[in-house]
């Protein structure tokens, strides 16, 4: 099936990479002034998801003449620069074009004397008759460098005609805290697969209650690309990003939101690799293998923990639209980065997060491409914890070494990665519709531990083949909305205390990662 004058014929889309789909649409569709959606790009059919509200979808030309005082910023979200002790990135959105945007920052809310210029990154999505209007989106970014470690800063965002330090705007100020100069106790949270809705908003509230230093988002951020599967039922509505950023602002304006890239985050209209939209909306550390083209791959250190974000679309056998797009550069960078972190004085733990699962038994199961390309490096450099999304459940493995269970770690147990192997956590209960485990496989979590049995599941092999496997490593399973809260401790007995929390705050799993334990 094909939508006339809109998408790609199904017979072509099924064998096209993201880059090929992008070029096809640029050549065949742009000249017709027709909306191109990620759904049309990926599968050949425009589903026609309407914009959430008419205001979100109106053309910028209708609003860009408004005075600066009438244009209200929204969707503030933070991210660390490459060094969280001294660098912070502040991003936000404006509903129309503005002149000379900037950030005011200071050590007190009544003294925002420092002014930093910001840049605008605009996205244009043409309209299609009968579906929705054209949409102009304006994302603004400011780089704050030279900050003092362990310090709370207050800030406000503005532009010509709207000064955040002016009377009446103080309620719109926010704050953040830089990483300490030397390791100390901290908490971070994590989940993937969030989207927009009541469950997603409730998980934001749960994040705030943990008072984290930052949050890791393991991909599938907004779901503007509805299915993300490269099939005809995919649809694309960039207006969902407006709703997402408004939804998350109460937490992301003060908690750095460190995102990586999922399959739903590939939006092929904006760039050949599908990452142009994410590059416009987020400012992330620029120390990855391709900082100006692949936003979901970077690293940073906070206290005694090194963190590495990866773009799993590059190695995924299940969803191959971007398979191999880095030409092996990402994996080589990963090898170098892990080696460097392990050689860095004061780094006790290394945490890696990305979207597609290395080990899971739920709907998407495990990705053989992830296993083949990255697991040998994780084991070689003794990664301590791996966090994934993709499957909309919570699932935690026993420590795994060489594909086998190295040690049984029940709820409340502890593990030494050097001795036992690596624990893999699927934290995909961020807010999107939940999945299930294979038929006959029960949930098993704190307060509801069931008999441990082997699970019949599969992993994705090359060519999108499903390879059946029987596994013993699925230790904890929970099918509700949830998140991870990890407490990192330094000192003479460093450890990671990992807890999984249901959306109502109940703990559903906990374990410790420590060395020599």
Protein backbone atom coordinates (compact mmCIF):
# COMPACT_ATOMS: atom_id res chain seq x y z
CA UNK A 1 0.00 0.00 0.00
CA UNK A 2 1.20 3.53 -0.77
CA UNK A 3 -0.18 6.97 0.01
CA UNK A 4 -0.28 8.96 -3.26
CA UNK A 5 2.33 11.71 -3.54
CA UNK A 6 3.37 11.33 0.10
CA UNK A 7 5.47 8.30 0.92
CA UNK A 8 7.73 5.63 -0.42
CA UNK A 9 6.36 2.54 -2.16
CA UNK A 10 6.36 -0.33 0.28
CA UNK A 11 8.46 -2.55 -1.99
CA UNK A 12 11.21 0.08 -1.87
CA UNK A 13 10.92 1.09 1.78
CA UNK A 14 11.36 -2.46 3.01
CA UNK A 15 14.89 -2.62 1.62
CA UNK A 16 16.00 1.00 2.06
CA UNK A 17 18.33 2.28 4.77
CA UNK A 18 17.52 5.52 6.57
CA UNK A 19 19.93 7.40 4.31
CA UNK A 20 18.38 5.96 1.15
CA UNK A 21 14.88 6.83 2.36
CA UNK A 22 16.00 10.38 3.12
CA UNK A 23 17.46 10.86 -0.36
CA UNK A 24 14.37 9.37 -2.02
CA UNK A 25 12.09 11.76 -0.18
CA UNK A 26 14.29 14.76 -0.88
CA UNK A 27 14.26 13.96 -4.58
CA UNK A 28 10.65 12.84 -5.03
CA UNK A 29 8.58 14.52 -2.34
CA UNK A 30 10.06 17.86 -1.37
CA UNK A 31 9.30 19.39 -4.72
CA UNK A 32 5.63 18.55 -4.27
CA UNK A 33 5.51 20.59 -1.01
CA UNK A 34 4.07 17.59 0.75
CA UNK A 35 4.55 16.53 4.35
CA UNK A 36 7.13 13.80 4.80
CA UNK A 37 6.85 11.89 8.03
CA UNK A 38 9.13 9.39 9.64
CA UNK A 39 6.35 6.88 9.08
CA UNK A 40 6.33 7.60 5.38
CA UNK A 41 10.10 7.52 5.33
CA UNK A 42 10.35 4.22 7.13
CA UNK A 43 7.50 2.32 5.63
CA UNK A 44 5.71 4.03 2.77
CA UNK A 45 2.43 4.94 4.47
CA UNK A 46 1.46 8.22 6.10
CA UNK A 47 -0.91 7.45 8.95
CA UNK A 48 -1.88 11.08 9.43
CA UNK A 49 -1.62 11.50 13.19
CA UNK A 50 -3.11 14.91 13.82
CA UNK A 51 -1.19 17.48 15.81
CA UNK A 52 -2.02 17.47 19.53
CA UNK A 53 -3.47 20.99 19.30
CA UNK A 54 -3.97 23.47 16.52
CA UNK A 55 -1.71 25.94 18.29
CA UNK A 56 1.16 23.47 18.31
CA UNK A 57 0.88 23.05 14.55
CA UNK A 58 0.31 26.55 13.23
CA UNK A 59 2.91 27.91 10.78
CA UNK A 60 5.59 30.12 12.30
CA UNK A 61 4.71 32.91 9.84
CA UNK A 62 1.48 33.42 11.76
CA UNK A 63 3.29 34.10 15.05
CA UNK A 64 6.79 35.37 14.22
CA UNK A 65 5.55 38.99 14.04
CA UNK A 66 4.58 38.92 17.71
CA UNK A 67 6.58 41.20 20.02
CA UNK A 68 9.29 39.50 22.06
CA UNK A 69 7.39 40.21 25.28
CA UNK A 70 4.52 38.01 24.06
CA UNK A 71 6.68 34.98 23.19
CA UNK A 72 6.98 32.76 26.25
CA UNK A 73 9.79 30.17 26.39
CA UNK A 74 8.89 26.62 27.45
CA UNK A 75 10.35 23.14 27.63
CA UNK A 76 13.56 23.97 29.49
CA UNK A 77 15.87 20.98 29.79
CA UNK A 78 19.42 20.63 31.05
CA UNK A 79 22.33 18.41 30.10
CA UNK A 80 25.91 18.25 31.25
CA UNK A 81 28.74 19.26 29.01
CA UNK A 82 31.73 16.92 28.74
CA UNK A 83 32.79 17.86 32.31
CA UNK A 84 29.78 18.02 34.68
CA UNK A 85 31.88 19.89 37.24
CA UNK A 86 32.26 22.99 35.08
CA UNK A 87 29.93 22.72 32.07
CA UNK A 88 26.16 22.82 31.74
CA UNK A 89 23.95 23.06 28.66
CA UNK A 90 20.59 24.84 28.92
CA UNK A 91 18.02 24.21 26.19
CA UNK A 92 14.48 25.43 25.66
CA UNK A 93 11.85 26.03 23.02
CA UNK A 94 10.03 29.12 21.78
CA UNK A 95 6.76 29.01 19.82
CA UNK A 96 7.98 31.58 17.27
CA UNK A 97 11.20 33.11 15.99
CA UNK A 98 12.93 35.43 18.47
CA UNK A 99 15.86 37.86 18.31
CA UNK A 100 19.06 37.48 20.34
CA UNK A 101 18.08 34.72 22.82
CA UNK A 102 20.18 34.37 25.95
CA UNK A 103 20.48 32.95 29.45
CA UNK A 104 20.96 34.95 32.62
CA UNK A 105 22.77 33.07 35.39
CA UNK A 106 24.00 33.84 38.88
CA UNK A 107 24.54 32.51 42.39
CA UNK A 108 21.29 34.04 43.70
CA UNK A 109 17.88 34.36 42.07
CA UNK A 110 18.01 38.11 42.63
CA UNK A 111 21.44 38.50 41.06
CA UNK A 112 21.55 37.10 37.51
CA UNK A 113 24.38 39.30 36.35
CA UNK A 114 26.06 36.94 33.91
CA UNK A 115 24.50 36.85 30.43
CA UNK A 116 25.31 34.11 27.90
CA UNK A 117 24.23 34.28 24.28
CA UNK A 118 22.27 31.33 22.91
CA UNK A 119 21.80 29.80 19.47
CA UNK A 120 18.57 28.87 17.72
CA UNK A 121 18.23 25.56 15.89
CA UNK A 122 15.09 25.58 13.79
CA UNK A 123 13.22 22.60 12.34
CA UNK A 124 10.71 22.86 9.51
CA UNK A 125 8.19 20.12 8.77
CA UNK A 126 5.97 20.91 5.75
CA UNK A 127 2.25 20.34 5.92
CA UNK A 128 -0.07 18.11 3.96
CA UNK A 129 -3.66 18.95 3.05
CA UNK A 130 -6.18 17.15 5.21
CA UNK A 131 -3.63 15.93 7.70
CA UNK A 132 -2.08 18.90 9.50
CA UNK A 133 -0.55 22.30 8.97
CA UNK A 134 3.13 22.93 8.48
CA UNK A 135 5.08 23.12 11.71
CA UNK A 136 8.00 25.37 12.53
CA UNK A 137 9.87 24.53 15.73
CA UNK A 138 12.54 26.67 17.34
CA UNK A 139 14.96 25.15 19.84
CA UNK A 140 17.38 27.37 21.74
CA UNK A 141 20.66 26.32 23.37
CA UNK A 142 23.19 28.02 25.63
CA UNK A 143 26.58 26.62 26.67
CA UNK A 144 27.68 27.49 30.19
CA UNK A 145 31.38 26.79 30.73
CA UNK A 146 33.84 27.78 33.41
CA UNK A 147 31.41 27.02 36.24
CA UNK A 148 32.50 26.26 39.80
CA UNK A 149 32.23 22.61 40.90
CA UNK A 150 29.69 21.69 43.57
CA UNK A 151 27.82 24.97 43.20
CA UNK A 152 24.13 25.84 42.86
CA UNK A 153 23.34 28.31 40.08
CA UNK A 154 20.09 30.10 39.28
CA UNK A 155 19.11 30.94 35.73
CA UNK A 156 16.43 32.37 33.49
CA UNK A 157 16.02 32.27 29.71
CA UNK A 158 15.02 35.18 27.54
CA UNK A 159 15.35 37.13 24.29
CA UNK A 160 14.87 40.65 22.98
CA UNK A 161 11.71 41.97 24.61
CA UNK A 162 11.65 39.41 27.40
CA UNK A 163 14.23 39.72 30.20
CA UNK A 164 14.02 36.89 32.77
CA UNK A 165 15.47 39.24 35.41
CA UNK A 166 12.72 41.80 34.93
CA UNK A 167 9.94 42.19 37.52
CA UNK A 168 7.18 39.65 37.06
CA UNK A 169 9.39 36.95 35.55
CA UNK A 170 11.07 35.65 38.70
CA UNK A 171 8.61 32.77 38.98
CA UNK A 172 10.09 31.38 35.76
CA UNK A 173 13.61 31.07 37.19
CA UNK A 174 15.16 27.67 37.82
CA UNK A 175 18.37 26.27 39.29
CA UNK A 176 20.93 23.52 38.83
CA UNK A 177 23.96 22.20 40.68
CA UNK A 178 27.31 21.31 39.15
CA UNK A 179 29.10 18.07 39.98
CA UNK A 180 31.44 18.16 43.01
CA UNK A 181 35.17 18.53 42.56
CA UNK A 182 35.88 15.27 44.41
CA UNK A 183 33.77 12.10 44.66
CA UNK A 184 30.93 12.05 47.15
CA UNK A 185 27.64 10.18 47.51
CA UNK A 186 25.10 10.88 44.79
CA UNK A 187 21.96 9.38 43.26
CA UNK A 188 21.02 9.08 39.61
CA UNK A 189 17.81 7.77 38.08
CA UNK A 190 17.17 6.00 34.78
CA UNK A 191 14.46 4.72 32.48
CA UNK A 192 13.67 4.45 28.79
CA UNK A 193 10.56 4.50 26.62
CA UNK A 194 8.76 7.47 28.13
CA UNK A 195 6.51 9.25 25.64
CA UNK A 196 3.72 11.65 26.59
CA UNK A 197 0.88 10.85 28.95
CA UNK A 198 -0.22 10.32 32.53
CA UNK A 199 2.16 7.45 33.25
CA UNK A 200 5.09 9.36 31.76
CA UNK A 201 4.23 12.42 33.83
CA UNK A 202 3.88 10.32 36.99
CA UNK A 203 7.35 8.86 36.43
CA UNK A 204 8.71 12.41 36.22
CA UNK A 205 7.24 13.05 39.67
CA UNK A 206 8.90 9.87 40.94
CA UNK A 207 12.23 11.03 39.53
CA UNK A 208 11.97 14.31 41.43
CA UNK A 209 11.24 12.51 44.69
CA UNK A 210 14.58 10.69 44.42
CA UNK A 211 16.45 14.06 44.30
CA UNK A 212 18.87 12.78 41.65
CA UNK A 213 22.01 14.56 40.49
CA UNK A 214 20.92 13.67 36.94
CA UNK A 215 18.70 11.31 34.97
CA UNK A 216 19.63 8.81 32.24
CA UNK A 217 17.09 8.32 29.45
CA UNK A 218 17.78 5.09 27.55
CA UNK A 219 16.07 6.12 24.32
CA UNK A 220 12.62 6.21 22.72
CA UNK A 221 12.18 9.65 24.16
CA UNK A 222 9.00 11.20 22.79
CA UNK A 223 7.38 8.82 20.26
CA UNK A 224 6.66 11.49 17.68
CA UNK A 225 7.67 8.63 15.36
CA UNK A 226 4.81 6.40 16.41
CA UNK A 227 6.01 2.86 15.70
CA UNK A 228 9.71 3.18 14.97
CA UNK A 229 9.73 -0.15 13.22
CA UNK A 230 10.31 0.73 9.58
CA UNK A 231 6.88 -0.58 8.62
CA UNK A 232 3.86 0.95 6.87
CA UNK A 233 1.91 1.59 10.08
CA UNK A 234 4.52 4.07 11.32
CA UNK A 235 3.40 7.69 11.62
CA UNK A 236 5.16 10.91 12.52
CA UNK A 237 3.93 14.00 14.35
CA UNK A 238 6.62 16.49 15.43
CA UNK A 239 4.04 18.34 17.54
CA UNK A 240 4.43 15.65 20.17
CA UNK A 241 7.85 17.10 20.96
CA UNK A 242 6.16 20.31 22.13
CA UNK A 243 3.99 18.32 24.52
CA UNK A 244 6.91 16.19 25.68
CA UNK A 245 9.11 19.15 26.55
CA UNK A 246 6.25 20.88 28.38
CA UNK A 247 5.52 17.67 30.28
CA UNK A 248 9.14 17.16 31.36
CA UNK A 249 10.04 20.76 32.14
CA UNK A 250 9.21 20.55 35.88
CA UNK A 251 12.00 18.00 36.32
CA UNK A 252 14.34 18.57 33.34
CA UNK A 253 14.74 22.30 34.12
CA UNK A 254 16.73 21.38 37.24
CA UNK A 255 17.85 17.76 36.69
CA UNK A 256 20.21 17.21 33.74
CA UNK A 257 18.46 14.91 31.29
CA UNK A 258 21.11 12.72 29.65
CA UNK A 259 19.41 11.06 26.68
CA UNK A 260 20.51 8.51 24.14
CA UNK A 261 18.86 7.37 20.90
CA UNK A 262 16.20 4.71 20.43
CA UNK A 263 14.59 3.36 17.28
CA UNK A 264 11.64 5.76 17.70
CA UNK A 265 14.08 8.68 17.78
CA UNK A 266 15.17 8.19 14.16
CA UNK A 267 13.29 10.87 12.21
CA UNK A 268 14.48 10.57 8.65
CA UNK A 269 12.95 13.79 7.34
CA UNK A 270 15.67 15.96 8.88
CA UNK A 271 18.89 14.15 7.97
CA UNK A 272 20.10 11.00 6.20
CA UNK A 273 20.77 9.18 9.48
CA UNK A 274 17.55 10.34 11.10
CA UNK A 275 19.26 12.27 13.90
CA UNK A 276 18.77 15.85 12.71
CA UNK A 277 15.74 16.29 14.95
CA UNK A 278 17.55 15.10 18.05
CA UNK A 279 20.54 17.32 17.28
CA UNK A 280 18.20 20.30 17.09
CA UNK A 281 16.41 19.54 20.34
CA UNK A 282 19.22 18.44 22.66
CA UNK A 283 22.72 19.66 23.55
CA UNK A 284 24.80 16.79 24.89
CA UNK A 285 28.51 16.23 25.61
CA UNK A 286 30.54 16.71 22.44
CA UNK A 287 33.13 14.00 23.13
CA UNK A 288 31.58 11.11 21.22
CA UNK A 289 32.88 9.51 18.03
CA UNK A 290 30.66 11.83 15.94
CA UNK A 291 29.42 14.68 18.16
CA UNK A 292 27.93 16.73 15.32
CA UNK A 293 26.08 13.83 13.70
CA UNK A 294 25.28 11.16 16.29
CA UNK A 295 23.95 12.80 19.46
CA UNK A 296 23.30 9.57 21.37
CA UNK A 297 26.96 8.55 21.81
CA UNK A 298 29.07 10.36 24.42
CA UNK A 299 30.64 9.92 27.84
CA UNK A 300 30.96 11.83 31.09
CA UNK A 301 32.26 11.32 34.60
CA UNK A 302 30.35 12.19 37.73
CA UNK A 303 32.12 11.55 41.03
CA UNK A 304 33.58 8.04 41.08
CA UNK A 305 31.46 6.75 38.16
CA UNK A 306 32.10 6.95 34.42
CA UNK A 307 29.07 6.91 32.14
CA UNK A 308 28.95 5.94 28.45
CA UNK A 309 25.93 6.50 26.19
CA UNK A 310 25.67 4.52 22.95
CA UNK A 311 23.54 4.59 19.79
CA UNK A 312 22.37 0.99 19.49
CA UNK A 313 20.66 1.63 16.13
CA UNK A 314 24.19 1.32 14.73
CA UNK A 315 24.44 -2.38 15.67
CA UNK A 316 20.83 -3.57 15.88
CA UNK A 317 19.89 -6.71 13.98
CA UNK A 318 16.21 -6.29 14.88
CA UNK A 319 15.65 -2.83 13.36
CA UNK A 320 18.38 -2.46 10.72
CA UNK A 321 17.48 0.94 9.23
CA UNK A 322 20.74 2.40 10.59
CA UNK A 323 22.72 -0.82 10.97
CA UNK A 324 26.40 -0.08 10.40
CA UNK A 325 25.90 3.65 9.83
CA UNK A 326 29.08 4.52 11.77
CA UNK A 327 31.23 2.11 9.77
CA UNK A 328 32.60 0.65 13.01
CA UNK A 329 33.74 4.02 14.36
CA UNK A 330 31.37 3.90 17.33
CA UNK A 331 32.61 0.49 18.48
CA UNK A 332 36.24 1.58 18.14
CA UNK A 333 35.44 4.73 20.14
CA UNK A 334 33.72 2.60 22.78
CA UNK A 335 36.84 0.46 23.14
CA UNK A 336 39.02 3.55 23.60
CA UNK A 337 36.59 5.22 25.97
CA UNK A 338 36.18 2.21 28.26
CA UNK A 339 39.94 1.70 28.35
CA UNK A 340 40.48 5.35 29.26
CA UNK A 341 37.85 5.30 32.00
CA UNK A 342 39.39 2.20 33.55
CA UNK A 343 42.76 3.96 33.57
CA UNK A 344 41.37 7.13 35.19
CA UNK A 345 42.28 7.61 38.83
CA UNK A 346 39.21 7.82 41.05
CA UNK A 347 36.80 6.03 38.69
CA UNK A 348 35.49 3.04 40.66
CA UNK A 349 32.57 2.10 38.41
CA UNK A 350 31.60 2.25 34.75
CA UNK A 351 27.92 2.37 33.71
CA UNK A 352 26.85 2.01 30.06
CA UNK A 353 23.36 2.86 28.81
CA UNK A 354 21.71 2.47 25.42
CA UNK A 355 18.35 1.48 23.99
CA UNK A 356 18.18 -2.03 22.48
CA UNK A 357 18.46 -4.87 24.96
CA UNK A 358 21.50 -7.05 25.34
CA UNK A 359 19.50 -9.46 27.52
CA UNK A 360 15.72 -9.46 27.86
CA UNK A 361 12.91 -11.97 27.47
CA UNK A 362 10.03 -9.56 26.76
CA UNK A 363 8.51 -8.57 23.41
CA UNK A 364 11.63 -7.32 21.58
CA UNK A 365 13.79 -9.89 23.40
CA UNK A 366 17.59 -9.55 22.97
CA UNK A 367 19.54 -8.05 20.09
CA UNK A 368 22.27 -10.26 18.66
CA UNK A 369 23.99 -7.28 17.06
CA UNK A 370 24.45 -5.62 20.45
CA UNK A 371 25.80 -8.87 21.85
CA UNK A 372 28.22 -9.46 19.00
CA UNK A 373 29.66 -5.94 18.79
CA UNK A 374 29.71 -4.63 22.34
CA UNK A 375 29.53 -7.38 24.96
CA UNK A 376 33.14 -8.51 24.42
CA UNK A 377 34.24 -4.93 25.12
CA UNK A 378 32.05 -4.71 28.22
CA UNK A 379 33.67 -7.83 29.60
CA UNK A 380 37.20 -6.88 28.57
CA UNK A 381 36.97 -3.54 30.34
CA UNK A 382 34.84 -4.82 33.22
CA UNK A 383 31.75 -2.66 32.86
CA UNK A 384 29.85 -2.70 36.15
CA UNK A 385 26.26 -2.08 35.06
CA UNK A 386 24.39 -1.92 31.73
CA UNK A 387 21.03 -0.13 31.45
CA UNK A 388 18.69 -0.61 28.47
CA UNK A 389 15.14 0.29 27.47
CA UNK A 390 13.23 -0.93 24.38
CA UNK A 391 11.19 -3.57 26.21
CA UNK A 392 8.49 -1.78 28.20
CA UNK A 393 9.03 -3.74 31.40
CA UNK A 394 11.52 -4.02 34.22
CA UNK A 395 13.82 -7.03 33.94
CA UNK A 396 17.11 -7.67 35.69
CA UNK A 397 19.59 -10.43 34.96
CA UNK A 398 21.94 -12.33 37.18
CA UNK A 399 25.55 -11.35 36.45
CA UNK A 400 26.49 -12.70 33.02
CA UNK A 401 29.93 -13.68 31.78
CA UNK A 402 30.45 -15.21 28.34
CA UNK A 403 26.71 -15.54 27.84
CA UNK A 404 26.21 -17.60 31.01
CA UNK A 405 25.20 -16.86 34.58
CA UNK A 406 28.29 -16.16 36.65
CA UNK A 407 26.51 -16.08 39.98
CA UNK A 408 22.94 -16.08 41.28
CA UNK A 409 22.04 -12.65 42.68
CA UNK A 410 18.54 -12.67 44.18
CA UNK A 411 16.68 -9.56 45.33
CA UNK A 412 18.88 -7.92 47.96
CA UNK A 413 22.04 -9.71 46.80
CA UNK A 414 25.41 -8.32 45.78
CA UNK A 415 27.83 -8.92 42.95
CA UNK A 416 31.46 -8.26 42.05
CA UNK A 417 31.70 -7.79 38.26
CA UNK A 418 35.35 -8.90 38.18
CA UNK A 419 34.35 -12.23 39.66
CA UNK A 420 30.74 -12.76 38.56
CA UNK A 421 30.11 -10.86 35.33
CA UNK A 422 27.86 -7.95 34.40
CA UNK A 423 24.29 -7.27 35.48
CA UNK A 424 22.02 -6.06 32.65
CA UNK A 425 18.89 -4.08 33.54
CA UNK A 426 15.98 -3.39 31.22
CA UNK A 427 14.34 -0.23 32.57
CA UNK A 428 11.72 0.29 29.87
CA UNK A 429 8.78 1.17 32.10
CA UNK A 430 9.19 4.92 31.62
CA UNK A 431 5.60 5.63 30.61
CA UNK A 432 4.76 4.10 27.24
CA UNK A 433 2.26 1.22 26.96
CA UNK A 434 3.55 -1.82 28.82
CA UNK A 435 4.63 -5.14 27.32
CA UNK A 436 4.39 -8.67 28.71
CA UNK A 437 6.76 -11.57 29.23
CA UNK A 438 6.49 -14.85 27.30
CA UNK A 439 3.39 -16.92 27.88
CA UNK A 440 3.55 -18.76 31.17
CA UNK A 441 6.43 -16.66 32.54
CA UNK A 442 5.47 -14.98 35.80
CA UNK A 443 6.54 -11.68 37.24
CA UNK A 444 9.03 -12.10 40.09
CA UNK A 445 10.04 -9.08 42.16
CA UNK A 446 10.57 -7.92 45.73
CA UNK A 447 7.57 -8.95 47.82
CA UNK A 448 6.40 -11.29 45.06
CA UNK A 449 9.28 -13.66 44.35
CA UNK A 450 8.16 -16.68 42.34
CA UNK A 451 9.93 -19.92 41.52
CA UNK A 452 12.95 -19.37 39.31
CA UNK A 453 12.71 -21.37 36.09
CA UNK A 454 14.29 -21.29 32.64
CA UNK A 455 12.58 -19.01 30.13
CA UNK A 456 11.97 -19.88 26.49
CA UNK A 457 12.76 -16.77 24.48
CA UNK A 458 14.85 -15.69 21.46
CA UNK A 459 17.42 -13.21 20.23
CA UNK A 460 17.62 -11.37 16.95
CA UNK A 461 20.18 -12.77 14.50
CA UNK A 462 21.42 -11.26 11.24
CA UNK A 463 18.74 -10.84 8.63
CA UNK A 464 16.11 -10.24 11.33
CA UNK A 465 15.92 -13.94 12.05
CA UNK A 466 14.70 -15.04 15.48
CA UNK A 467 17.05 -17.51 17.12
CA UNK A 468 15.33 -19.45 19.89
CA UNK A 469 17.13 -19.79 23.21
CA UNK A 470 16.43 -21.10 26.69
CA UNK A 471 17.85 -18.82 29.36
CA UNK A 472 18.53 -18.98 33.09
CA UNK A 473 19.59 -15.37 33.59
CA UNK A 474 16.16 -13.68 33.94
CA UNK A 475 16.17 -13.07 37.70
CA UNK A 476 13.67 -10.24 38.36
CA UNK A 477 10.63 -9.31 36.22
CA UNK A 478 7.95 -6.64 36.69
CA UNK A 479 5.34 -5.47 34.18
CA UNK A 480 4.39 -2.13 35.73
CA UNK A 481 5.71 1.39 35.15
CA UNK A 482 8.97 1.84 37.00
CA UNK A 483 12.41 3.44 37.12
CA UNK A 484 15.91 2.83 38.45
CA UNK A 485 17.40 4.81 41.33
CA UNK A 486 21.11 4.19 41.84
CA UNK A 487 23.08 5.44 44.82
CA UNK A 488 26.83 5.69 44.22
CA UNK A 489 29.18 5.72 47.19
CA UNK A 490 32.90 6.46 47.12
CA UNK A 491 35.54 6.03 49.80
CA UNK A 492 37.18 2.93 51.22
CA UNK A 493 34.23 0.71 50.33
CA UNK A 494 32.78 2.05 47.04
CA UNK A 495 29.53 0.54 45.84
CA UNK A 496 26.50 1.04 43.63
CA UNK A 497 23.22 0.45 45.43
CA UNK A 498 20.72 -0.22 42.66
CA UNK A 499 16.99 -0.02 43.37
CA UNK A 500 14.03 -0.42 41.05
CA UNK A 501 10.91 1.49 42.07
CA UNK A 502 7.33 0.99 40.93
CA UNK A 503 5.47 4.14 39.97
CA UNK A 504 3.82 4.32 43.40
CA UNK A 505 7.26 4.34 45.03
CA UNK A 506 7.33 0.69 46.12
CA UNK A 507 10.70 -0.97 45.77
CA UNK A 508 10.51 -3.96 43.43
CA UNK A 509 14.20 -4.89 43.31
CA UNK A 510 17.50 -3.96 44.89
CA UNK A 511 21.07 -5.23 44.72
CA UNK A 512 24.62 -3.98 45.18
CA UNK A 513 27.56 -3.82 42.83
CA UNK A 514 30.89 -3.70 44.66
CA UNK A 515 34.44 -4.79 44.08
CA UNK A 516 35.89 -7.55 46.22
CA UNK A 517 32.50 -8.15 47.81
